[in-house]
Amino acid sequence: GTTISWSRAFVNGISNSAGMGTGAISETLNNSGDSAVTVTYNFVLTANGCNNPMPPSLKLKISPIPQVTSGLTPAAICSGAAFNYVPTSNRAGATFNWTRAAVTGISNTARTDTGRINEILFNTTTNPVNVIYQYTATVGGCASPTPVSVTVTVNPSPLLSSTLTPAAICSGTPFAYTPTSSSNNVTFTWTRAAV
């Protein structure tokens, strides 16, 4: 026949206002800071018109959720070049996990790893391809609730699509050759050694 009521004061670093209720506690507390915050619940127990003379209290530590704070759109890279990415978090001591699915047009297989990214990506198409990494940060057993997406564009390596064996010419006549590529936005430079 005991009734139990509880109260919780407002605490700096917890975005919730003060709270109170009876019976079981069921509420979601949000730590808006960068370090753990202790929240105290005070209880009043009443039975037969009498209150507990020494009301108990419960102290609960609320750890913040770490977030990935490094840029989510790093600079594009060329096919065959290493993609290097160093994640950072709003929480000191954060560890990171990432996954990358297989991507159509990228010859690399799917991969899962921890910490920083350092891998060479190969674009097998003639167009830029976006590769998406899913990152999760963890501190003190608390992980970011939703992975963040880090997207890097892998540009193709341009190749000549024009012939490499043009017709012979006679001495003293101009040699004209127009290079073409199956990739877009390609510029061409050429050199010729003395023969």
Foldseek 3Di string as FASTA:
>chain_A
DKKKKKWWDDDPQWPDHTDIDIDDDDDDIARNDQAKDKTKMWMWIDDPRDIDPDTDMDIDIDGHAKDWDDDQEDEAEEAQDWDKFFIDISYPPKKKKKWWDDDPQWPDHTDIDIGIGTDGIHGNDQAKDKTWMWMWIDDPRHIHPGTDIRIHIYHYDWDWPDDPDDDDDDPPDDDDDDTDTPHPPDDDDDDDDDD
